[in-house]
Amino acid sequence: MNNYPFFTMDDFDFDNKCVYLRIDINSPINPITQEIMDDSRLNSYSETINELSDSKLVITAHQGRPGDDDFTSLKYHSRYLSKLMGREILFIDSLFGSSVDYAVSRMKKGDIIMLENTRFYSEEVSINFNNFNIIENTHIVKNLSKLFDYYIIDAFGAVHRPHTSLIGFKKSGPMIAGRLMEREISMLDKFKYSNQRPKIAILGGSKVSDAVKVSRSFFEKGIVDYILYGGVAANLFLIASGKNIGKRNIDFIKNNNKNYLELIDMARNLIEKYPEKIILPDDFILNPSQKNITLKDNVPDNELLADIGFNSIEKFKDYIKRAKNIFINGPMGMYEINEYSIGTREILDEISNSSAMKIVGGGHTISAVNRFGFRKYMDYVSTGGGALINYLSGDSIPVIDALIENKKMFGD
């Protein structure tokens, strides 16, 4: 048995067994051609799928949300994954029912089937997840649970979501963490529990609620020594510290966060408790004027703080040089526009040259790492977004909780 509180793939022999594999290949989709624009998530499952090459493998996943442009069938995903793996994958445009039953009954060792988008079915997301009796009596669980010997959950990017296809088979048979899930948890735990100091986090991007949440957890639990802030996350903490960052920047945060005042209060409280640990930018590049200013200057109401400035870049680099562990989630500014990409690029370059353990998370950060050619220098690039934040914050994670409960039921 492994040392985890849940089953891993080391615990079972999958030879000629019928295996349910839930993965997270939710990817950016071209709204016109329906083509996948970034295949990094699909690439991340090669180890798990290859290890199951002697099984009868049935893959489930989701794509997008109802009403969104990227809420599409998994037909193209199955073709893409087939090319990546060099193996034939049969796509069935249903999640359960007679067509699925028939196809699974005819599977031979080494066959792979991919089923339709789990979110095409309302039972996946719209039931009372606090009542497991309801979950296990859904059509999804009742129909699929009769088909499989094992249930492998490898969708780390969705572990914070208590959806039916992720937790519904808790009582149906052994539910197992896939290789990606195992690797994610192992690497994130290395960062969380490492005694190598200084340990820093660099938080940027526009999801300020995530930044506040993980900051509080990191400081209260002593996980990091310093947090460096860029992007809109920095703007929130600057407002909380009493700085005037200009009307346009304040309005952006207000309009995108209904709990704006609560976030300001939380950030202010963190600044009061941990003033030496919170590292904020001193200067910025404005959009549209492209001027480098400090907050001693008045920020014009029509200007955005689009990137951290040159002094701030050098200040952040000093912390990175001394760090033994580095976690970065979120860009420093509007990195997609060349004129405002310098801060993000320079910080990633400094991290790349560091001998510290380097972990990257968040979709925009990964996009920047790939765009600027730094991925090969990072120790680990996480597939998680919200899941990553929830895990590092020490929150209860529904899917991991279900895996742990399942091992108690089906373990020796």
Protein backbone atom coordinates (compact mmCIF):
# COMPACT_ATOMS: atom_id res chain seq x y z
CA MET A 1 0.00 0.00 0.00
CA ASN A 2 1.11 3.60 -0.64
CA ASN A 3 1.65 6.25 2.03
CA TYR A 4 -1.26 8.43 0.90
CA PRO A 5 -4.63 8.37 2.68
CA PHE A 6 -6.21 7.40 -0.66
CA PHE A 7 -5.65 4.71 -3.29
CA THR A 8 -3.12 5.32 -6.06
CA MET A 9 -2.53 3.35 -9.24
CA ASP A 10 0.25 1.42 -7.50
CA ASP A 11 -2.39 -0.38 -5.43
CA PHE A 12 -4.11 -2.26 -8.27
CA ASP A 13 -3.54 -4.37 -11.38
CA PHE A 14 -5.62 -3.00 -14.26
CA ASP A 15 -4.82 -5.74 -16.77
CA ASN A 16 -7.98 -6.52 -18.78
CA LYS A 17 -10.10 -4.61 -16.23
CA CYS A 18 -12.81 -2.14 -17.19
CA VAL A 19 -11.62 1.24 -15.91
CA TYR A 20 -13.46 4.56 -15.58
CA LEU A 21 -11.04 7.50 -15.93
CA ARG A 22 -12.23 11.04 -15.13
CA ILE A 23 -9.81 13.66 -16.41
CA ASP A 24 -9.81 17.46 -16.80
CA ILE A 25 -9.11 18.47 -20.40
CA ASN A 26 -11.15 21.68 -20.25
CA SER A 27 -9.28 23.76 -22.85
CA PRO A 28 -9.47 27.09 -24.69
CA ILE A 29 -11.64 26.57 -27.79
CA ASN A 30 -11.72 28.60 -31.00
CA PRO A 31 -15.38 29.74 -31.11
CA ILE A 32 -15.48 29.61 -34.91
CA THR A 33 -13.62 26.40 -35.78
CA GLN A 34 -14.19 24.60 -32.43
CA GLU A 35 -10.50 23.66 -32.52
CA ILE A 36 -8.48 23.30 -29.31
CA MET A 37 -6.13 26.28 -28.95
CA ASP A 38 -3.95 25.00 -26.07
CA ASP A 39 -3.28 21.27 -25.64
CA SER A 40 -1.28 21.43 -22.40
CA ARG A 41 -4.00 19.76 -20.33
CA LEU A 42 -4.44 16.96 -22.85
CA ASN A 43 -0.68 16.38 -22.85
CA SER A 44 -0.64 16.04 -19.07
CA TYR A 45 -2.48 12.69 -19.16
CA SER A 46 -0.02 10.66 -21.22
CA GLU A 47 1.45 8.89 -18.17
CA THR A 48 -1.91 7.81 -16.76
CA ILE A 49 -3.31 6.66 -20.10
CA ASN A 50 -0.14 4.81 -21.10
CA GLU A 51 -0.10 2.99 -17.78
CA LEU A 52 -3.65 1.80 -18.49
CA SER A 53 -2.77 0.44 -21.94
CA ASP A 54 -3.72 -3.14 -20.98
CA SER A 55 -7.11 -2.17 -19.56
CA LYS A 56 -10.47 -1.47 -21.15
CA LEU A 57 -10.42 2.28 -20.66
CA VAL A 58 -13.43 4.62 -20.67
CA ILE A 59 -12.63 8.34 -20.37
CA THR A 60 -14.98 11.05 -19.11
CA ALA A 61 -14.36 14.81 -18.91
CA HIS A 62 -16.05 18.20 -19.14
CA GLN A 63 -15.63 21.21 -21.41
CA GLY A 64 -16.91 24.70 -20.60
CA ARG A 65 -20.12 25.65 -18.85
CA PRO A 66 -23.69 25.90 -20.16
CA GLY A 67 -24.13 29.17 -22.05
CA ASP A 68 -20.42 29.76 -22.69
CA ASP A 69 -18.85 29.76 -26.16
CA ASP A 70 -16.54 26.90 -25.17
CA PHE A 71 -19.38 24.64 -24.01
CA THR A 72 -18.85 22.02 -26.70
CA SER A 73 -18.86 18.31 -27.41
CA LEU A 74 -15.76 16.25 -26.61
CA LYS A 75 -15.68 14.87 -30.15
CA TYR A 76 -12.72 17.06 -31.09
CA HIS A 77 -10.99 16.32 -27.80
CA SER A 78 -11.16 12.59 -28.51
CA ARG A 79 -9.59 13.10 -31.94
CA TYR A 80 -6.90 15.36 -30.51
CA LEU A 81 -6.10 12.96 -27.68
CA SER A 82 -6.00 10.07 -30.14
CA LYS A 83 -3.33 11.87 -32.18
CA LEU A 84 -1.33 12.81 -29.09
CA MET A 85 -1.36 9.25 -27.73
CA GLY A 86 -0.98 7.51 -31.08
CA ARG A 87 -3.92 5.27 -30.20
CA GLU A 88 -7.43 4.89 -31.55
CA ILE A 89 -10.13 6.37 -29.32
CA LEU A 90 -13.79 5.66 -30.01
CA PHE A 91 -16.03 8.64 -29.24
CA ILE A 92 -19.63 8.05 -28.13
CA ASP A 93 -21.94 11.06 -28.08
CA SER A 94 -23.64 9.97 -24.85
CA LEU A 95 -22.55 9.74 -21.22
CA PHE A 96 -24.71 6.74 -20.36
CA GLY A 97 -27.47 4.60 -21.85
CA SER A 98 -27.80 1.72 -24.28
CA SER A 99 -25.17 2.96 -26.75
CA VAL A 100 -22.59 3.23 -23.96
CA ASP A 101 -23.56 -0.13 -22.44
CA TYR A 102 -23.23 -1.85 -25.82
CA ALA A 103 -19.87 -0.26 -26.68
CA VAL A 104 -18.37 -1.08 -23.27
CA SER A 105 -19.62 -4.69 -23.44
CA ARG A 106 -17.72 -5.18 -26.71
CA MET A 107 -14.43 -3.68 -25.51
CA LYS A 108 -11.23 -5.68 -25.72
CA LYS A 109 -8.02 -5.27 -23.77
CA GLY A 110 -6.29 -2.07 -24.93
CA ASP A 111 -9.44 -0.37 -26.25
CA ILE A 112 -10.23 3.25 -25.35
CA ILE A 113 -13.61 4.98 -25.40
CA MET A 114 -14.33 8.64 -24.67
CA LEU A 115 -17.84 9.62 -23.57
CA GLU A 116 -19.67 12.92 -24.08
CA ASN A 117 -19.16 16.11 -22.04
CA THR A 118 -20.35 15.39 -18.50
CA ARG A 119 -21.78 18.92 -18.22
CA PHE A 120 -24.24 18.23 -21.03
CA TYR A 121 -26.21 16.50 -18.26
CA SER A 122 -27.84 18.59 -15.54
CA GLU A 123 -27.19 15.89 -12.91
CA GLU A 124 -23.49 16.66 -13.15
CA VAL A 125 -23.72 20.10 -11.57
CA SER A 126 -27.24 20.99 -10.42
CA ILE A 127 -28.16 18.64 -7.57
CA ASN A 128 -27.74 18.80 -3.79
CA PHE A 129 -24.16 17.63 -3.32
CA ASN A 130 -24.54 17.63 0.46
CA ASN A 131 -26.81 14.59 0.16
CA PHE A 132 -24.86 11.63 -1.20
CA ASN A 133 -28.02 9.51 -1.43
CA ILE A 134 -29.19 11.84 -4.17
CA ILE A 135 -25.85 11.65 -5.98
CA GLU A 136 -25.66 7.86 -6.01
CA ASN A 137 -29.21 7.67 -7.34
CA THR A 138 -28.53 9.86 -10.37
CA HIS A 139 -28.80 8.33 -13.83
CA ILE A 140 -25.08 8.99 -14.27
CA VAL A 141 -24.03 6.89 -11.28
CA LYS A 142 -26.68 4.18 -11.56
CA ASN A 143 -25.92 3.58 -15.25
CA LEU A 144 -22.13 3.82 -15.17
CA SER A 145 -21.44 2.08 -11.84
CA LYS A 146 -22.54 -1.29 -13.24
CA LEU A 147 -19.88 -1.15 -15.98
CA PHE A 148 -16.56 -0.70 -14.18
CA ASP A 149 -14.10 -2.52 -11.94
CA TYR A 150 -12.18 0.62 -10.94
CA TYR A 151 -12.74 4.39 -10.91
CA ILE A 152 -9.66 6.54 -11.47
CA ILE A 153 -10.04 10.26 -10.75
CA ASP A 154 -7.26 12.29 -12.35
CA ALA A 155 -8.98 15.66 -12.77
CA PHE A 156 -6.89 17.74 -10.36
CA GLY A 157 -8.09 20.97 -11.96
CA ALA A 158 -11.62 20.13 -10.80
CA VAL A 159 -11.00 18.60 -7.36
CA HIS A 160 -12.65 21.56 -5.63
CA ARG A 161 -15.93 20.85 -7.44
CA PRO A 162 -18.22 18.20 -5.87
CA HIS A 163 -19.67 17.13 -9.22
CA THR A 164 -21.35 13.80 -9.84
CA SER A 165 -18.76 12.35 -12.25
CA LEU A 166 -16.01 13.20 -9.75
CA ILE A 167 -17.39 12.01 -6.41
CA GLY A 168 -20.43 9.92 -7.35
CA PHE A 169 -18.68 6.54 -7.42
CA LYS A 170 -17.39 6.75 -3.86
CA LYS A 171 -19.40 3.67 -2.82
CA SER A 172 -19.35 1.84 -6.17
CA GLY A 173 -15.86 0.34 -5.99
CA PRO A 174 -12.22 1.36 -5.50
CA MET A 175 -11.81 5.04 -6.40
CA ILE A 176 -8.21 5.84 -7.20
CA ALA A 177 -6.06 8.95 -7.66
CA GLY A 178 -4.48 9.00 -11.12
CA ARG A 179 -0.84 9.79 -11.80
CA LEU A 180 -1.43 13.49 -12.48
CA MET A 181 -3.44 13.86 -9.27
CA GLU A 182 -0.71 12.08 -7.31
CA ARG A 183 2.02 14.23 -8.86
CA GLU A 184 0.14 17.49 -8.24
CA ILE A 185 -0.42 16.70 -4.58
CA SER A 186 3.16 15.52 -4.11
CA MET A 187 4.70 18.67 -5.64
CA LEU A 188 2.36 21.10 -3.89
CA ASP A 189 3.00 19.37 -0.58
CA LYS A 190 6.74 19.79 -1.15
CA PHE A 191 6.20 23.52 -1.35
CA LYS A 192 3.74 23.68 1.56
CA TYR A 193 5.85 21.66 3.98
CA SER A 194 9.39 22.51 2.88
CA ASN A 195 11.65 23.91 5.59
CA GLN A 196 13.98 25.51 3.04
CA ARG A 197 13.74 29.25 3.64
CA PRO A 198 13.13 31.95 2.56
CA LYS A 199 9.95 30.74 0.91
CA ILE A 200 8.08 33.24 -1.25
CA ALA A 201 4.83 33.43 -3.18
CA ILE A 202 4.29 35.80 -6.09
CA LEU A 203 0.61 36.57 -6.65
CA GLY A 204 -0.72 38.54 -9.60
CA GLY A 205 -3.50 38.42 -12.14
CA SER A 206 -7.03 39.70 -11.74
CA LYS A 207 -8.62 37.19 -9.33
CA VAL A 208 -8.23 39.31 -6.24
CA SER A 209 -10.48 37.14 -4.05
CA ASP A 210 -8.15 34.18 -4.65
CA ALA A 211 -5.13 36.33 -3.82
CA VAL A 212 -6.62 37.48 -0.51
CA LYS A 213 -7.74 33.98 0.39
CA VAL A 214 -4.41 32.28 -0.24
CA SER A 215 -2.49 35.19 1.37
CA ARG A 216 -4.37 34.80 4.63
CA SER A 217 -3.79 31.05 4.65
CA PHE A 218 -0.10 31.35 3.76
CA PHE A 219 0.55 33.87 6.51
CA GLU A 220 -1.59 32.28 9.24
CA LYS A 221 -0.04 28.86 8.66
CA GLY A 222 3.50 30.16 8.20
CA ILE A 223 3.76 28.60 4.75
CA VAL A 224 5.65 31.55 3.23
CA ASP A 225 7.95 34.28 4.49
CA TYR A 226 6.97 36.91 1.92
CA ILE A 227 4.32 37.50 -0.72
CA LEU A 228 5.12 39.72 -3.70
CA TYR A 229 2.07 41.21 -5.42
CA GLY A 230 1.54 42.29 -9.02
CA GLY A 231 -1.40 42.81 -11.33
CA VAL A 232 -4.84 43.63 -9.97
CA ALA A 233 -3.99 41.71 -6.78
CA ALA A 234 -1.39 44.39 -6.00
CA ASN A 235 -3.92 47.12 -6.72
CA LEU A 236 -6.32 45.77 -4.11
CA PHE A 237 -3.63 45.73 -1.42
CA LEU A 238 -2.51 49.23 -2.43
CA ILE A 239 -6.07 50.52 -1.97
CA ALA A 240 -6.22 48.75 1.41
CA SER A 241 -2.96 50.44 2.42
CA GLY A 242 -4.44 53.87 1.68
CA LYS A 243 -2.85 54.56 -1.71
CA ASN A 244 -4.71 56.37 -4.48
CA ILE A 245 -4.39 54.22 -7.60
CA GLY A 246 -6.78 56.21 -9.80
CA LYS A 247 -10.48 55.91 -10.53
CA ARG A 248 -10.22 53.50 -13.48
CA ASN A 249 -8.24 50.95 -11.46
CA ILE A 250 -10.54 51.22 -8.44
CA ASP A 251 -13.63 50.85 -10.62
CA PHE A 252 -12.21 47.74 -12.29
CA ILE A 253 -11.94 45.96 -8.94
CA LYS A 254 -15.33 47.23 -7.73
CA ASN A 255 -17.12 46.17 -10.91
CA ASN A 256 -15.62 42.67 -10.89
CA ASN A 257 -16.03 41.89 -7.19
CA LYS A 258 -19.41 42.17 -5.48
CA ASN A 259 -17.68 41.74 -2.12
CA TYR A 260 -15.26 44.60 -2.83
CA LEU A 261 -15.53 46.22 0.60
CA GLU A 262 -15.10 42.88 2.35
CA LEU A 263 -11.96 42.17 0.29
CA ILE A 264 -10.54 45.60 1.16
CA ASP A 265 -11.14 44.94 4.87
CA MET A 266 -9.48 41.52 4.63
CA ALA A 267 -6.48 42.94 2.79
CA ARG A 268 -6.18 45.81 5.29
CA ASN A 269 -6.24 43.32 8.15
CA LEU A 270 -3.42 41.32 6.55
CA ILE A 271 -1.35 44.47 6.05
CA GLU A 272 -1.77 45.37 9.73
CA LYS A 273 -0.83 41.86 10.89
CA TYR A 274 2.00 41.13 8.45
CA PRO A 275 3.43 44.48 7.29
CA GLU A 276 6.95 43.12 6.75
CA LYS A 277 5.77 40.12 4.73
CA ILE A 278 3.60 41.94 2.17
CA ILE A 279 5.72 43.32 -0.67
CA LEU A 280 3.96 45.74 -3.01
CA PRO A 281 5.11 47.51 -6.19
CA ASP A 282 6.42 51.07 -5.93
CA ASP A 283 6.01 52.10 -9.55
CA PHE A 284 3.96 51.19 -12.61
CA ILE A 285 3.64 51.44 -16.36
CA LEU A 286 0.44 53.22 -17.38
CA ASN A 287 -1.97 52.29 -20.15
CA PRO A 288 -2.47 54.04 -22.55
CA SER A 289 0.31 56.60 -21.99
CA GLN A 290 3.05 53.98 -21.28
CA LYS A 291 4.60 56.31 -18.67
CA ASN A 292 6.54 54.84 -15.73
CA ILE A 293 5.16 56.53 -12.58
CA THR A 294 5.25 56.11 -8.82
CA LEU A 295 2.19 56.43 -6.61
CA LYS A 296 3.59 59.72 -5.33
CA ASP A 297 2.39 61.01 -8.67
CA ASN A 298 -1.31 61.35 -9.32
CA VAL A 299 -2.64 58.45 -11.41
CA PRO A 300 -4.87 60.01 -14.10
CA ASP A 301 -8.44 58.74 -13.96
CA ASN A 302 -8.26 57.43 -17.54
CA GLU A 303 -5.09 55.36 -17.01
CA LEU A 304 -4.71 51.72 -16.03
CA LEU A 305 -1.80 50.37 -13.98
CA ALA A 306 -0.86 47.94 -16.75
CA ASP A 307 2.46 46.57 -15.48
CA ILE A 308 4.83 46.88 -12.55
CA GLY A 309 7.56 49.46 -13.08
CA PHE A 310 11.33 49.14 -13.33
CA ASN A 311 12.07 49.87 -9.65
CA SER A 312 9.52 47.28 -8.58
CA ILE A 313 11.02 44.70 -10.93
CA GLU A 314 14.43 45.16 -9.29
CA LYS A 315 12.94 45.03 -5.80
CA PHE A 316 11.11 41.79 -6.59
CA LYS A 317 14.26 40.30 -8.12
CA ASP A 318 16.12 40.80 -4.83
CA TYR A 319 13.56 38.62 -3.02
CA ILE A 320 13.66 35.99 -5.77
CA LYS A 321 17.47 35.81 -5.62
CA ARG A 322 17.36 34.94 -1.90
CA ALA A 323 14.46 32.49 -2.08
CA LYS A 324 14.80 28.71 -1.65
CA ASN A 325 11.18 27.96 -2.65
CA ILE A 326 9.11 30.01 -5.11
CA PHE A 327 5.43 29.76 -6.02
CA ILE A 328 4.00 32.08 -8.68
CA ASN A 329 0.34 32.41 -9.61
CA GLY A 330 -0.71 35.30 -11.81
CA PRO A 331 1.09 37.71 -14.18
CA MET A 332 2.43 41.11 -13.12
CA GLY A 333 0.34 43.00 -15.65
CA MET A 334 -1.23 42.94 -19.10
CA TYR A 335 1.43 40.57 -20.41
CA GLU A 336 -0.55 39.78 -23.59
CA ILE A 337 0.34 43.27 -24.87
CA ASN A 338 4.04 43.60 -25.61
CA GLU A 339 4.41 47.08 -24.10
CA TYR A 340 3.10 45.79 -20.76
CA SER A 341 4.80 42.40 -20.70
CA ILE A 342 8.18 43.48 -19.31
CA GLY A 343 7.31 42.99 -15.63
CA THR A 344 5.96 39.48 -16.11
CA ARG A 345 8.80 38.51 -18.44
CA GLU A 346 11.55 39.87 -16.18
CA ILE A 347 10.13 38.21 -13.06
CA LEU A 348 9.79 34.85 -14.86
CA ASP A 349 13.34 35.21 -16.18
CA GLU A 350 14.69 35.81 -12.67
CA ILE A 351 12.73 32.81 -11.35
CA SER A 352 14.08 30.66 -14.19
CA ASN A 353 17.65 31.53 -13.20
CA SER A 354 17.04 30.69 -9.55
CA SER A 355 18.25 27.45 -7.96
CA ALA A 356 15.13 27.42 -5.75
CA MET A 357 12.30 24.96 -6.22
CA LYS A 358 9.95 26.72 -8.65
CA ILE A 359 6.22 25.98 -8.94
CA VAL A 360 3.90 27.71 -11.39
CA GLY A 361 0.09 27.76 -11.26
CA GLY A 362 -2.85 29.48 -12.90
CA GLY A 363 -3.93 29.57 -16.54
CA HIS A 364 -2.58 33.03 -17.40
CA THR A 365 0.73 32.37 -15.66
CA ILE A 366 1.18 29.12 -17.58
CA SER A 367 0.30 30.95 -20.79
CA ALA A 368 2.98 33.56 -20.02
CA VAL A 369 5.55 30.89 -19.10
CA ASN A 370 4.90 29.15 -22.43
CA ARG A 371 4.82 32.37 -24.43
CA PHE A 372 8.16 33.62 -23.13
CA GLY A 373 9.89 30.21 -23.27
CA PHE A 374 10.45 29.63 -19.54
CA ARG A 375 8.50 26.40 -19.01
CA LYS A 376 11.55 24.12 -19.24
CA TYR A 377 13.20 25.98 -16.35
CA MET A 378 10.34 25.44 -13.90
CA ASP A 379 10.33 22.48 -11.52
CA TYR A 380 6.58 22.03 -11.77
CA VAL A 381 3.72 23.59 -13.73
CA SER A 382 0.39 22.81 -12.09
CA THR A 383 -2.77 22.11 -14.10
CA GLY A 384 -4.91 23.57 -11.34
CA GLY A 385 -6.45 27.03 -11.10
CA GLY A 386 -9.10 27.33 -8.42
CA ALA A 387 -8.22 23.81 -7.31
CA LEU A 388 -4.62 24.84 -6.74
CA ILE A 389 -5.63 27.86 -4.64
CA ASN A 390 -8.07 25.77 -2.59
CA TYR A 391 -5.49 23.05 -1.96
CA LEU A 392 -2.69 25.41 -0.94
CA SER A 393 -5.13 27.33 1.27
CA GLY A 394 -5.83 24.15 3.22
CA ASP A 395 -9.54 24.13 2.38
CA SER A 396 -11.58 20.95 2.39
CA ILE A 397 -11.38 19.49 -1.13
CA PRO A 398 -14.51 17.46 -2.05
CA VAL A 399 -12.83 15.07 -4.49
CA ILE A 400 -9.83 14.37 -2.26
CA ASP A 401 -12.19 13.89 0.68
CA ALA A 402 -14.16 11.36 -1.40
CA LEU A 403 -10.95 9.51 -2.33
CA ILE A 404 -9.97 9.29 1.34
CA GLU A 405 -13.43 8.04 2.37
CA ASN A 406 -13.35 5.46 -0.43
CA LYS A 407 -10.06 3.98 0.78
CA LYS A 408 -11.56 3.56 4.24
CA MET A 409 -14.45 1.62 2.67
CA PHE A 410 -12.50 -0.54 0.23
CA GLY A 411 -9.02 -0.72 1.80
CA ASP A 412 -7.74 -3.73 3.71
